[in-house]
Amino acid sequence: MTAQLAWRIRMAPIVLMLVVAWLGGGCVGVSPLSQAPKFSASIQRATIQVGERSRSYLYYVPQSLPSNAPMVFVLHGSTQTPQQMQVSTGYEFERLADQHGFVVVYPAGYRKHWNDCRKAATYAARRRNIDDKAFVSALVEHFRSTRGVDTKRVFAMGYSNGGHLAYRLALEMPERIAAIAAVAANLPADENCDCRKSDRPVPVLILNGTRDPINPFNGGNVRLFGFANRGPVISARASAEYFARLNGHYSEPRVTLRGDRLPVEITSWQDPGRPEVVIATIQGGGHVVPQPRYSAPPFLGRTTHAVNGPEEIWEFFARQRPLPLPDR
């Protein structure tokens, strides 16, 4: 037995304990939000039939929802639940929904995972080829018919495994998703990608930390603290550049800096008439959703408060408008 293998065996119970504690609501001195703040309406739980499966989800509809309102999917990370995703985003999407008038939907992954593009993933959602695209499409149709949402303004934000599902939606069904935001996730490398790329442009926002212990900012294998190899991904910058090329951007991106403790570098491709691409690089940031109301456990890395991730995501989504296809 090698020394590295022996170390991994010794560390496995510790890693499992930390992850279970985090998923249970808190660990290592972190005090997460135990209750939702007060909003204009209640958070609802429901199910929907997708093929032979009953899929569950949470949703939030503001009391004063305008007609033809936008809709935002919030996709949880690996082993999370929709409720835990609400906590890890600080219930910011509900606050923003009240403020700006949109529907928020938190779908639940199959056995707490999503069927994303990564060939190397071994969780049940991948093994059983769960049709999460059909789940998303069914929810869009449901909220169109029951709440009158604008199907041209349906957006998807995802964290970690949920970020990888957001990439899948962007690559395979951009006709249904007006823009995506991926947090703590890079595109899978070609040899690890099992998605059919439509090659259609789509606005994309990426928020990644440079000290992420799970998703390697500069590319490489995604691992859960040395375990559960989910195959190689390209770098965060290369992920943004892929979509910039796809969307027809040829000029140099604009770069701005924000904050000082964990500075955030905003790189944006915004050529007129082209779908926007932005990457927010959080210097020293970890495998977290950056926002002011909740700090993730330290073993996931540092959380910056210099940028409110959900607010940045909504502002990105809100300024997107249908654009003609760029010249190829």
C-alpha atoms as a PDB file:
ATOM      1  CA  MET A   1       0.000   0.000   0.000  1.00  0.00           C
ATOM      2  CA  THR A   2       1.403   3.379  -0.982  1.00  0.00           C
ATOM      3  CA  ALA A   3       1.696   6.187   1.540  1.00  0.00           C
ATOM      4  CA  GLN A   4      -0.767   8.294  -0.472  1.00  0.00           C
ATOM      5  CA  LEU A   5      -3.384   5.513  -0.494  1.00  0.00           C
ATOM      6  CA  ALA A   6      -2.940   4.937   3.232  1.00  0.00           C
ATOM      7  CA  TRP A   7      -3.419   8.665   3.866  1.00  0.00           C
ATOM      8  CA  ARG A   8      -6.617   8.698   1.825  1.00  0.00           C
ATOM      9  CA  ILE A   9      -8.000   5.722   3.753  1.00  0.00           C
ATOM     10  CA  ARG A  10      -7.247   7.464   7.055  1.00  0.00           C
ATOM     11  CA  MET A  11      -8.783  10.735   5.860  1.00  0.00           C
ATOM     12  CA  ALA A  12     -11.975   9.247   4.381  1.00  0.00           C
ATOM     13  CA  PRO A  13     -13.949   9.150   7.689  1.00  0.00           C
ATOM     14  CA  ILE A  14     -12.913  12.727   8.473  1.00  0.00           C
ATOM     15  CA  VAL A  15     -13.977  14.013   5.063  1.00  0.00           C
ATOM     16  CA  LEU A  16     -17.275  12.140   5.342  1.00  0.00           C
ATOM     17  CA  MET A  17     -17.913  13.584   8.805  1.00  0.00           C
ATOM     18  CA  LEU A  18     -17.285  17.141   7.600  1.00  0.00           C
ATOM     19  CA  VAL A  19     -19.507  16.762   4.552  1.00  0.00           C
ATOM     20  CA  VAL A  20     -22.337  15.180   6.582  1.00  0.00           C
ATOM     21  CA  ALA A  21     -22.073  17.947   9.177  1.00  0.00           C
ATOM     22  CA  TRP A  22     -22.222  20.595   6.481  1.00  0.00           C
ATOM     23  CA  LEU A  23     -25.216  19.015   4.797  1.00  0.00           C
ATOM     24  CA  GLY A  24     -26.907  18.684   8.172  1.00  0.00           C
ATOM     25  CA  GLY A  25     -26.860  22.430   8.561  1.00  0.00           C
ATOM     26  CA  GLY A  26     -23.549  23.538   9.982  1.00  0.00           C
ATOM     27  CA  CYS A  27     -20.077  22.600  11.133  1.00  0.00           C
ATOM     28  CA  VAL A  28     -16.716  23.815  12.339  1.00  0.00           C
ATOM     29  CA  GLY A  29     -18.036  26.950  13.955  1.00  0.00           C
ATOM     30  CA  VAL A  30     -20.201  28.147  11.066  1.00  0.00           C
ATOM     31  CA  SER A  31     -23.695  29.381  11.919  1.00  0.00           C
ATOM     32  CA  PRO A  32     -25.829  29.020   8.813  1.00  0.00           C
ATOM     33  CA  LEU A  33     -29.259  30.556   8.395  1.00  0.00           C
ATOM     34  CA  SER A  34     -31.558  28.111  10.173  1.00  0.00           C
ATOM     35  CA  GLN A  35     -34.787  29.838   9.121  1.00  0.00           C
ATOM     36  CA  ALA A  36     -35.862  31.685   6.027  1.00  0.00           C
ATOM     37  CA  PRO A  37     -36.230  35.450   6.386  1.00  0.00           C
ATOM     38  CA  LYS A  38     -39.699  36.944   5.977  1.00  0.00           C
ATOM     39  CA  PHE A  39     -40.837  37.376   2.394  1.00  0.00           C
ATOM     40  CA  SER A  40     -44.056  38.449   0.673  1.00  0.00           C
ATOM     41  CA  ALA A  41     -45.163  34.839   0.142  1.00  0.00           C
ATOM     42  CA  SER A  42     -44.382  31.327   1.336  1.00  0.00           C
ATOM     43  CA  ILE A  43     -41.883  28.910  -0.160  1.00  0.00           C
ATOM     44  CA  GLN A  44     -43.829  25.993  -1.630  1.00  0.00           C
ATOM     45  CA  ARG A  45     -43.006  22.311  -2.177  1.00  0.00           C
ATOM     46  CA  ALA A  46     -44.421  20.348  -5.121  1.00  0.00           C
ATOM     47  CA  THR A  47     -43.883  17.401  -7.455  1.00  0.00           C
ATOM     48  CA  ILE A  48     -44.257  16.989 -11.198  1.00  0.00           C
ATOM     49  CA  GLN A  49     -44.473  13.857 -13.323  1.00  0.00           C
ATOM     50  CA  VAL A  50     -41.640  13.528 -15.843  1.00  0.00           C
ATOM     51  CA  GLY A  51     -42.016  10.341 -17.826  1.00  0.00           C
ATOM     52  CA  GLU A  52     -42.251   7.524 -15.304  1.00  0.00           C
ATOM     53  CA  ARG A  53     -40.719   9.529 -12.456  1.00  0.00           C
ATOM     54  CA  SER A  54     -42.223  11.940  -9.968  1.00  0.00           C
ATOM     55  CA  ARG A  55     -39.721  14.766  -9.503  1.00  0.00           C
ATOM     56  CA  SER A  56     -39.815  17.182  -6.572  1.00  0.00           C
ATOM     57  CA  TYR A  57     -38.960  20.856  -6.325  1.00  0.00           C
ATOM     58  CA  LEU A  58     -39.366  23.984  -4.227  1.00  0.00           C
ATOM     59  CA  TYR A  59     -40.590  27.234  -5.675  1.00  0.00           C
ATOM     60  CA  TYR A  60     -41.212  30.805  -4.677  1.00  0.00           C
ATOM     61  CA  VAL A  61     -43.717  33.145  -6.313  1.00  0.00           C
ATOM     62  CA  PRO A  62     -43.799  36.741  -5.000  1.00  0.00           C
ATOM     63  CA  GLN A  63     -47.175  38.016  -3.864  1.00  0.00           C
ATOM     64  CA  SER A  64     -47.124  40.725  -6.531  1.00  0.00           C
ATOM     65  CA  LEU A  65     -45.913  38.824  -9.582  1.00  0.00           C
ATOM     66  CA  PRO A  66     -46.143  40.871 -12.781  1.00  0.00           C
ATOM     67  CA  SER A  67     -47.492  39.383 -15.985  1.00  0.00           C
ATOM     68  CA  ASN A  68     -44.943  37.697 -18.276  1.00  0.00           C
ATOM     69  CA  ALA A  69     -42.502  37.431 -15.386  1.00  0.00           C
ATOM     70  CA  PRO A  70     -39.050  35.866 -15.762  1.00  0.00           C
ATOM     71  CA  MET A  71     -38.214  32.505 -14.186  1.00  0.00           C
ATOM     72  CA  VAL A  72     -34.946  31.506 -12.512  1.00  0.00           C
ATOM     73  CA  PHE A  73     -33.841  27.919 -11.842  1.00  0.00           C
ATOM     74  CA  VAL A  74     -31.448  27.525  -8.893  1.00  0.00           C
ATOM     75  CA  LEU A  75     -29.655  24.165  -9.208  1.00  0.00           C
ATOM     76  CA  HIS A  76     -28.081  22.693  -6.085  1.00  0.00           C
ATOM     77  CA  GLY A  77     -24.655  21.126  -5.778  1.00  0.00           C
ATOM     78  CA  SER A  78     -23.651  17.492  -5.404  1.00  0.00           C
ATOM     79  CA  THR A  79     -25.300  15.784  -2.363  1.00  0.00           C
ATOM     80  CA  GLN A  80     -27.313  18.904  -1.563  1.00  0.00           C
ATOM     81  CA  THR A  81     -31.072  19.395  -1.360  1.00  0.00           C
ATOM     82  CA  PRO A  82     -33.073  22.404  -2.575  1.00  0.00           C
ATOM     83  CA  GLN A  83     -33.434  23.554   1.050  1.00  0.00           C
ATOM     84  CA  GLN A  84     -29.669  23.468   1.552  1.00  0.00           C
ATOM     85  CA  MET A  85     -29.239  25.423  -1.665  1.00  0.00           C
ATOM     86  CA  GLN A  86     -31.528  28.097  -0.270  1.00  0.00           C
ATOM     87  CA  VAL A  87     -29.321  28.335   2.807  1.00  0.00           C
ATOM     88  CA  SER A  88     -26.031  28.358   0.893  1.00  0.00           C
ATOM     89  CA  THR A  89     -27.327  31.213  -1.275  1.00  0.00           C
ATOM     90  CA  GLY A  90     -28.537  33.094   1.811  1.00  0.00           C
ATOM     91  CA  TYR A  91     -32.155  33.133   0.572  1.00  0.00           C
ATOM     92  CA  GLU A  92     -30.999  35.930  -1.703  1.00  0.00           C
ATOM     93  CA  PHE A  93     -33.012  34.720  -4.692  1.00  0.00           C
ATOM     94  CA  GLU A  94     -36.266  35.040  -2.744  1.00  0.00           C
ATOM     95  CA  ARG A  95     -35.332  38.574  -1.716  1.00  0.00           C
ATOM     96  CA  LEU A  96     -34.463  39.445  -5.305  1.00  0.00           C
ATOM     97  CA  ALA A  97     -37.685  37.852  -6.568  1.00  0.00           C
ATOM     98  CA  ASP A  98     -39.703  40.085  -4.241  1.00  0.00           C
ATOM     99  CA  GLN A  99     -37.711  43.118  -5.356  1.00  0.00           C
ATOM    100  CA  HIS A 100     -37.723  42.471  -9.105  1.00  0.00           C
ATOM    101  CA  GLY A 101     -40.730  40.223  -9.715  1.00  0.00           C
ATOM    102  CA  PHE A 102     -39.696  36.779 -10.938  1.00  0.00           C
ATOM    103  CA  VAL A 103     -40.383  33.128 -10.103  1.00  0.00           C
ATOM    104  CA  VAL A 104     -37.644  31.084  -8.380  1.00  0.00           C
ATOM    105  CA  VAL A 105     -37.587  27.294  -8.771  1.00  0.00           C
ATOM    106  CA  TYR A 106     -35.287  24.910  -6.875  1.00  0.00           C
ATOM    107  CA  PRO A 107     -35.486  21.489  -8.556  1.00  0.00           C
ATOM    108  CA  ALA A 108     -34.267  18.413  -6.664  1.00  0.00           C
ATOM    109  CA  GLY A 109     -31.681  16.215  -8.344  1.00  0.00           C
ATOM    110  CA  TYR A 110     -32.090  12.454  -8.567  1.00  0.00           C
ATOM    111  CA  ARG A 111     -30.631  11.108  -5.332  1.00  0.00           C
ATOM    112  CA  LYS A 112     -29.116  14.574  -4.788  1.00  0.00           C
ATOM    113  CA  HIS A 113     -27.212  14.672  -8.086  1.00  0.00           C
ATOM    114  CA  TRP A 114     -27.696  15.902 -11.638  1.00  0.00           C
ATOM    115  CA  ASN A 115     -27.046  14.097 -14.898  1.00  0.00           C
ATOM    116  CA  ASP A 116     -24.453  16.513 -16.253  1.00  0.00           C
ATOM    117  CA  CYS A 117     -21.965  16.268 -19.131  1.00  0.00           C
ATOM    118  CA  ARG A 118     -19.106  14.521 -17.320  1.00  0.00           C
ATOM    119  CA  LYS A 119     -18.422  10.982 -18.543  1.00  0.00           C
ATOM    120  CA  ALA A 120     -16.384  10.130 -15.447  1.00  0.00           C
ATOM    121  CA  ALA A 121     -19.191  10.869 -12.967  1.00  0.00           C
ATOM    122  CA  THR A 122     -20.466   7.696 -11.310  1.00  0.00           C
ATOM    123  CA  TYR A 123     -23.457   8.843  -9.259  1.00  0.00           C
ATOM    124  CA  ALA A 124     -26.891   7.359  -9.956  1.00  0.00           C
ATOM    125  CA  ALA A 125     -28.197  10.293 -12.010  1.00  0.00           C
ATOM    126  CA  ARG A 126     -25.464   9.601 -14.585  1.00  0.00           C
ATOM    127  CA  ARG A 127     -25.575   5.799 -14.362  1.00  0.00           C
ATOM    128  CA  ARG A 128     -29.341   5.768 -14.952  1.00  0.00           C
ATOM    129  CA  ASN A 129     -29.196   8.576 -17.526  1.00  0.00           C
ATOM    130  CA  ILE A 130     -31.850  10.602 -15.714  1.00  0.00           C
ATOM    131  CA  ASP A 131     -33.511  13.050 -18.107  1.00  0.00           C
ATOM    132  CA  ASP A 132     -32.942  16.307 -16.232  1.00  0.00           C
ATOM    133  CA  LYS A 133     -33.466  18.319 -19.419  1.00  0.00           C
ATOM    134  CA  ALA A 134     -37.014  16.945 -19.590  1.00  0.00           C
ATOM    135  CA  PHE A 135     -37.462  17.870 -15.903  1.00  0.00           C
ATOM    136  CA  VAL A 136     -36.439  21.460 -16.628  1.00  0.00           C
ATOM    137  CA  SER A 137     -38.647  21.622 -19.726  1.00  0.00           C
ATOM    138  CA  ALA A 138     -41.636  20.260 -17.812  1.00  0.00           C
ATOM    139  CA  LEU A 139     -41.204  22.902 -15.121  1.00  0.00           C
ATOM    140  CA  VAL A 140     -40.981  25.671 -17.714  1.00  0.00           C
ATOM    141  CA  GLU A 141     -44.229  24.518 -19.282  1.00  0.00           C
ATOM    142  CA  HIS A 142     -45.903  24.141 -15.870  1.00  0.00           C
ATOM    143  CA  PHE A 143     -45.062  27.680 -14.783  1.00  0.00           C
ATOM    144  CA  ARG A 144     -45.979  29.060 -18.201  1.00  0.00           C
ATOM    145  CA  SER A 145     -49.456  27.554 -17.945  1.00  0.00           C
ATOM    146  CA  THR A 146     -50.033  28.237 -14.221  1.00  0.00           C
ATOM    147  CA  ARG A 147     -48.165  31.514 -13.631  1.00  0.00           C
ATOM    148  CA  GLY A 148     -47.765  32.976 -17.081  1.00  0.00           C
ATOM    149  CA  VAL A 149     -43.970  33.177 -17.018  1.00  0.00           C
ATOM    150  CA  ASP A 150     -42.198  34.502 -20.089  1.00  0.00           C
ATOM    151  CA  THR A 151     -40.618  31.467 -21.748  1.00  0.00           C
ATOM    152  CA  LYS A 152     -38.130  33.770 -23.487  1.00  0.00           C
ATOM    153  CA  ARG A 153     -36.761  34.817 -20.098  1.00  0.00           C
ATOM    154  CA  VAL A 154     -36.041  31.505 -18.407  1.00  0.00           C
ATOM    155  CA  PHE A 155     -32.631  31.453 -16.712  1.00  0.00           C
ATOM    156  CA  ALA A 156     -30.587  28.802 -14.897  1.00  0.00           C
ATOM    157  CA  MET A 157     -28.063  29.299 -12.114  1.00  0.00           C
ATOM    158  CA  GLY A 158     -26.137  26.277 -10.811  1.00  0.00           C
ATOM    159  CA  TYR A 159     -23.559  25.587  -8.115  1.00  0.00           C
ATOM    160  CA  SER A 160     -20.921  22.837  -8.504  1.00  0.00           C
ATOM    161  CA  ASN A 161     -22.796  19.780  -9.902  1.00  0.00           C
ATOM    162  CA  GLY A 162     -25.679  22.175 -10.543  1.00  0.00           C
ATOM    163  CA  GLY A 163     -23.288  24.434 -12.435  1.00  0.00           C
ATOM    164  CA  HIS A 164     -22.415  21.473 -14.638  1.00  0.00           C
ATOM    165  CA  LEU A 165     -26.103  20.908 -15.342  1.00  0.00           C
ATOM    166  CA  ALA A 166     -26.379  24.606 -16.235  1.00  0.00           C
ATOM    167  CA  TYR A 167     -23.562  24.053 -18.750  1.00  0.00           C
ATOM    168  CA  ARG A 168     -25.507  21.119 -20.176  1.00  0.00           C
ATOM    169  CA  LEU A 169     -28.588  23.283 -20.608  1.00  0.00           C
ATOM    170  CA  ALA A 170     -26.499  25.953 -22.353  1.00  0.00           C
ATOM    171  CA  LEU A 171     -24.847  23.436 -24.664  1.00  0.00           C
ATOM    172  CA  GLU A 172     -27.863  21.290 -25.504  1.00  0.00           C
ATOM    173  CA  MET A 173     -31.025  23.393 -25.123  1.00  0.00           C
ATOM    174  CA  PRO A 174     -30.204  27.100 -25.518  1.00  0.00           C
ATOM    175  CA  GLU A 175     -33.580  27.539 -27.205  1.00  0.00           C
ATOM    176  CA  ARG A 176     -35.232  27.029 -23.778  1.00  0.00           C
ATOM    177  CA  ILE A 177     -32.687  28.769 -21.521  1.00  0.00           C
ATOM    178  CA  ALA A 178     -32.026  32.479 -22.141  1.00  0.00           C
ATOM    179  CA  ALA A 179     -28.797  32.595 -20.076  1.00  0.00           C
ATOM    180  CA  ILE A 180     -26.922  30.592 -17.458  1.00  0.00           C
ATOM    181  CA  ALA A 181     -24.677  31.271 -14.488  1.00  0.00           C
ATOM    182  CA  ALA A 182     -22.231  28.587 -13.285  1.00  0.00           C
ATOM    183  CA  VAL A 183     -20.635  28.830  -9.835  1.00  0.00           C
ATOM    184  CA  ALA A 184     -17.663  26.671  -8.773  1.00  0.00           C
ATOM    185  CA  ALA A 185     -17.741  24.741 -12.063  1.00  0.00           C
ATOM    186  CA  ASN A 186     -15.619  24.633 -15.237  1.00  0.00           C
ATOM    187  CA  LEU A 187     -16.558  23.034 -18.538  1.00  0.00           C
ATOM    188  CA  PRO A 188     -15.511  19.379 -18.801  1.00  0.00           C
ATOM    189  CA  ALA A 189     -12.520  18.633 -21.015  1.00  0.00           C
ATOM    190  CA  ASP A 190     -13.368  17.199 -24.445  1.00  0.00           C
ATOM    191  CA  GLU A 191     -12.400  13.664 -23.420  1.00  0.00           C
ATOM    192  CA  ASN A 192     -14.725  13.941 -20.399  1.00  0.00           C
ATOM    193  CA  CYS A 193     -17.651  15.617 -22.164  1.00  0.00           C
ATOM    194  CA  ASP A 194     -20.695  13.520 -23.033  1.00  0.00           C
ATOM    195  CA  CYS A 195     -22.920  16.386 -24.213  1.00  0.00           C
ATOM    196  CA  ARG A 196     -24.110  17.118 -27.707  1.00  0.00           C
ATOM    197  CA  LYS A 197     -23.069  20.702 -28.382  1.00  0.00           C
ATOM    198  CA  SER A 198     -25.632  22.697 -30.310  1.00  0.00           C
ATOM    199  CA  ASP A 199     -23.060  25.387 -31.214  1.00  0.00           C
ATOM    200  CA  ARG A 200     -25.720  28.030 -30.628  1.00  0.00           C
ATOM    201  CA  PRO A 201     -24.762  31.186 -28.720  1.00  0.00           C
ATOM    202  CA  VAL A 202     -25.976  31.778 -25.162  1.00  0.00           C
ATOM    203  CA  PRO A 203     -25.104  34.400 -22.520  1.00  0.00           C
ATOM    204  CA  VAL A 204     -22.936  32.912 -19.752  1.00  0.00           C
ATOM    205  CA  LEU A 205     -21.716  34.142 -16.351  1.00  0.00           C
ATOM    206  CA  ILE A 206     -19.060  32.146 -14.442  1.00  0.00           C
ATOM    207  CA  LEU A 207     -18.135  32.809 -10.782  1.00  0.00           C
ATOM    208  CA  ASN A 208     -15.144  30.752  -9.639  1.00  0.00           C
ATOM    209  CA  GLY A 209     -12.585  30.946  -6.840  1.00  0.00           C
ATOM    210  CA  THR A 210      -8.868  30.513  -7.480  1.00  0.00           C
ATOM    211  CA  ARG A 211      -8.406  28.404  -4.306  1.00  0.00           C
ATOM    212  CA  ASP A 212     -11.313  26.042  -4.878  1.00  0.00           C
ATOM    213  CA  PRO A 213     -10.363  22.683  -3.270  1.00  0.00           C
ATOM    214  CA  ILE A 214     -12.768  20.687  -5.474  1.00  0.00           C
ATOM    215  CA  ASN A 215     -13.116  22.392  -8.858  1.00  0.00           C
ATOM    216  CA  PRO A 216      -9.561  23.243 -10.038  1.00  0.00           C
ATOM    217  CA  PHE A 217      -9.584  26.845 -11.223  1.00  0.00           C
ATOM    218  CA  ASN A 218      -6.767  26.243 -13.710  1.00  0.00           C
ATOM    219  CA  GLY A 219      -8.152  22.935 -14.944  1.00  0.00           C
ATOM    220  CA  GLY A 220      -7.510  19.311 -14.007  1.00  0.00           C
ATOM    221  CA  ASN A 221      -9.428  16.538 -12.303  1.00  0.00           C
ATOM    222  CA  VAL A 222     -12.441  17.366 -10.136  1.00  0.00           C
ATOM    223  CA  ARG A 223     -12.177  15.480  -6.841  1.00  0.00           C
ATOM    224  CA  LEU A 224     -13.949  15.594  -3.493  1.00  0.00           C
ATOM    225  CA  PHE A 225     -10.871  16.232  -1.316  1.00  0.00           C
ATOM    226  CA  GLY A 226      -8.901  13.570  -3.169  1.00  0.00           C
ATOM    227  CA  PHE A 227     -11.839  11.165  -3.578  1.00  0.00           C
ATOM    228  CA  ALA A 228     -14.635  10.632  -6.152  1.00  0.00           C
ATOM    229  CA  ASN A 229     -12.765  11.569  -9.310  1.00  0.00           C
ATOM    230  CA  ARG A 230     -15.210  13.132 -11.771  1.00  0.00           C
ATOM    231  CA  GLY A 231     -12.745  13.581 -14.567  1.00  0.00           C
ATOM    232  CA  PRO A 232     -10.884  16.530 -16.044  1.00  0.00           C
ATOM    233  CA  VAL A 233     -12.242  20.008 -16.650  1.00  0.00           C
ATOM    234  CA  ILE A 234     -10.680  22.870 -18.578  1.00  0.00           C
ATOM    235  CA  SER A 235      -9.734  26.070 -16.775  1.00  0.00           C
ATOM    236  CA  ALA A 236     -12.254  28.682 -15.692  1.00  0.00           C
ATOM    237  CA  ARG A 237     -10.799  31.187 -18.153  1.00  0.00           C
ATOM    238  CA  ALA A 238     -10.884  28.644 -21.001  1.00  0.00           C
ATOM    239  CA  SER A 239     -14.526  27.903 -20.133  1.00  0.00           C
ATOM    240  CA  ALA A 240     -15.399  31.584 -20.520  1.00  0.00           C
ATOM    241  CA  GLU A 241     -13.351  31.859 -23.717  1.00  0.00           C
ATOM    242  CA  TYR A 242     -15.202  28.885 -25.228  1.00  0.00           C
ATOM    243  CA  PHE A 243     -18.512  30.721 -24.882  1.00  0.00           C
ATOM    244  CA  ALA A 244     -16.959  34.031 -25.964  1.00  0.00           C
ATOM    245  CA  ARG A 245     -15.839  32.413 -29.239  1.00  0.00           C
ATOM    246  CA  LEU A 246     -19.172  30.640 -29.619  1.00  0.00           C
ATOM    247  CA  ASN A 247     -20.977  33.953 -29.168  1.00  0.00           C
ATOM    248  CA  GLY A 248     -18.882  35.687 -31.816  1.00  0.00           C
ATOM    249  CA  HIS A 249     -16.666  37.947 -29.672  1.00  0.00           C
ATOM    250  CA  TYR A 250     -13.402  38.989 -31.306  1.00  0.00           C
ATOM    251  CA  SER A 251     -12.305  42.059 -29.343  1.00  0.00           C
ATOM    252  CA  GLU A 252     -10.350  41.931 -26.082  1.00  0.00           C
ATOM    253  CA  PRO A 253     -12.488  41.626 -22.937  1.00  0.00           C
ATOM    254  CA  ARG A 254     -12.885  44.441 -20.445  1.00  0.00           C
ATOM    255  CA  VAL A 255     -11.335  43.805 -16.996  1.00  0.00           C
ATOM    256  CA  THR A 256     -12.315  45.514 -13.739  1.00  0.00           C
ATOM    257  CA  LEU A 257     -11.374  44.862 -10.092  1.00  0.00           C
ATOM    258  CA  ARG A 258     -13.558  44.938  -7.011  1.00  0.00           C
ATOM    259  CA  GLY A 259     -12.814  44.592  -3.295  1.00  0.00           C
ATOM    260  CA  ASP A 260      -9.500  44.170  -1.477  1.00  0.00           C
ATOM    261  CA  ARG A 261      -9.607  41.322   1.098  1.00  0.00           C
ATOM    262  CA  LEU A 262     -10.572  38.713  -1.508  1.00  0.00           C
ATOM    263  CA  PRO A 263     -10.464  40.850  -4.661  1.00  0.00           C
ATOM    264  CA  VAL A 264     -12.745  39.928  -7.542  1.00  0.00           C
ATOM    265  CA  GLU A 265     -11.593  40.344 -11.143  1.00  0.00           C
ATOM    266  CA  ILE A 266     -14.489  40.825 -13.565  1.00  0.00           C
ATOM    267  CA  THR A 267     -13.635  39.920 -17.168  1.00  0.00           C
ATOM    268  CA  SER A 268     -16.419  40.619 -19.654  1.00  0.00           C
ATOM    269  CA  TRP A 269     -16.952  40.158 -23.382  1.00  0.00           C
ATOM    270  CA  GLN A 270     -19.625  42.670 -24.417  1.00  0.00           C
ATOM    271  CA  ASP A 271     -19.332  43.324 -28.150  1.00  0.00           C
ATOM    272  CA  PRO A 272     -22.493  45.058 -29.434  1.00  0.00           C
ATOM    273  CA  GLY A 273     -25.095  42.647 -30.763  1.00  0.00           C
ATOM    274  CA  ARG A 274     -23.361  39.596 -29.274  1.00  0.00           C
ATOM    275  CA  PRO A 275     -24.543  37.494 -26.302  1.00  0.00           C
ATOM    276  CA  GLU A 276     -22.601  38.572 -23.228  1.00  0.00           C
ATOM    277  CA  VAL A 277     -19.976  36.427 -21.463  1.00  0.00           C
ATOM    278  CA  VAL A 278     -18.570  37.307 -18.022  1.00  0.00           C
ATOM    279  CA  ILE A 279     -16.201  35.536 -15.644  1.00  0.00           C
ATOM    280  CA  ALA A 280     -15.831  36.736 -12.051  1.00  0.00           C
ATOM    281  CA  THR A 281     -12.506  35.441 -10.712  1.00  0.00           C
ATOM    282  CA  ILE A 282     -12.479  35.469  -6.915  1.00  0.00           C
ATOM    283  CA  GLN A 283      -8.862  35.658  -5.819  1.00  0.00           C
ATOM    284  CA  GLY A 284      -8.398  33.165  -2.966  1.00  0.00           C
ATOM    285  CA  GLY A 285     -12.052  32.126  -3.080  1.00  0.00           C
ATOM    286  CA  GLY A 286     -13.195  28.564  -2.454  1.00  0.00           C
ATOM    287  CA  HIS A 287     -15.924  26.146  -3.538  1.00  0.00           C
ATOM    288  CA  VAL A 288     -18.698  28.479  -2.453  1.00  0.00           C
ATOM    289  CA  VAL A 289     -21.444  30.805  -3.632  1.00  0.00           C
ATOM    290  CA  PRO A 290     -20.113  34.284  -2.828  1.00  0.00           C
ATOM    291  CA  GLN A 291     -22.701  36.350  -0.964  1.00  0.00           C
ATOM    292  CA  PRO A 292     -23.050  38.383   2.253  1.00  0.00           C
ATOM    293  CA  ARG A 293     -25.544  36.406   4.331  1.00  0.00           C
ATOM    294  CA  TYR A 294     -23.861  33.019   4.744  1.00  0.00           C
ATOM    295  CA  SER A 295     -20.274  31.791   4.954  1.00  0.00           C
ATOM    296  CA  ALA A 296     -19.627  28.197   3.910  1.00  0.00           C
ATOM    297  CA  PRO A 297     -17.582  25.855   6.144  1.00  0.00           C
ATOM    298  CA  PRO A 298     -13.829  26.551   5.995  1.00  0.00           C
ATOM    299  CA  PHE A 299     -13.012  23.179   4.420  1.00  0.00           C
ATOM    300  CA  LEU A 300     -14.759  24.431   1.265  1.00  0.00           C
ATOM    301  CA  GLY A 301     -12.493  27.463   1.126  1.00  0.00           C
ATOM    302  CA  ARG A 302     -13.021  31.139   1.776  1.00  0.00           C
ATOM    303  CA  THR A 303     -16.200  33.088   1.060  1.00  0.00           C
ATOM    304  CA  THR A 304     -15.873  36.630  -0.219  1.00  0.00           C
ATOM    305  CA  HIS A 305     -18.374  39.330   0.658  1.00  0.00           C
ATOM    306  CA  ALA A 306     -16.959  41.740  -1.936  1.00  0.00           C
ATOM    307  CA  VAL A 307     -19.493  40.417  -4.422  1.00  0.00           C
ATOM    308  CA  ASN A 308     -23.061  39.274  -3.836  1.00  0.00           C
ATOM    309  CA  GLY A 309     -23.232  36.280  -6.169  1.00  0.00           C
ATOM    310  CA  PRO A 310     -27.039  35.949  -6.431  1.00  0.00           C
ATOM    311  CA  GLU A 311     -27.397  39.698  -6.980  1.00  0.00           C
ATOM    312  CA  GLU A 312     -24.707  39.683  -9.687  1.00  0.00           C
ATOM    313  CA  ILE A 313     -26.387  36.699 -11.293  1.00  0.00           C
ATOM    314  CA  TRP A 314     -29.815  38.322 -11.352  1.00  0.00           C
ATOM    315  CA  GLU A 315     -28.402  41.596 -12.735  1.00  0.00           C
ATOM    316  CA  PHE A 316     -26.686  39.576 -15.477  1.00  0.00           C
ATOM    317  CA  PHE A 317     -29.900  37.718 -16.290  1.00  0.00           C
ATOM    318  CA  ALA A 318     -32.050  40.872 -16.203  1.00  0.00           C
ATOM    319  CA  ARG A 319     -30.002  42.707 -18.813  1.00  0.00           C
ATOM    320  CA  GLN A 320     -30.073  39.880 -21.350  1.00  0.00           C
ATOM    321  CA  ARG A 321     -32.329  40.395 -24.352  1.00  0.00           C
ATOM    322  CA  PRO A 322     -33.017  38.092 -27.312  1.00  0.00           C
ATOM    323  CA  LEU A 323     -30.322  38.730 -29.886  1.00  0.00           C
ATOM    324  CA  PRO A 324     -29.958  37.648 -33.509  1.00  0.00           C
ATOM    325  CA  LEU A 325     -27.540  34.822 -34.126  1.00  0.00           C
ATOM    326  CA  PRO A 326     -24.016  36.179 -34.693  1.00  0.00           C
ATOM    327  CA  ASP A 327     -22.457  35.820 -38.134  1.00  0.00           C
ATOM    328  CA  ARG A 328     -20.445  32.617 -38.334  1.00  0.00           C
END
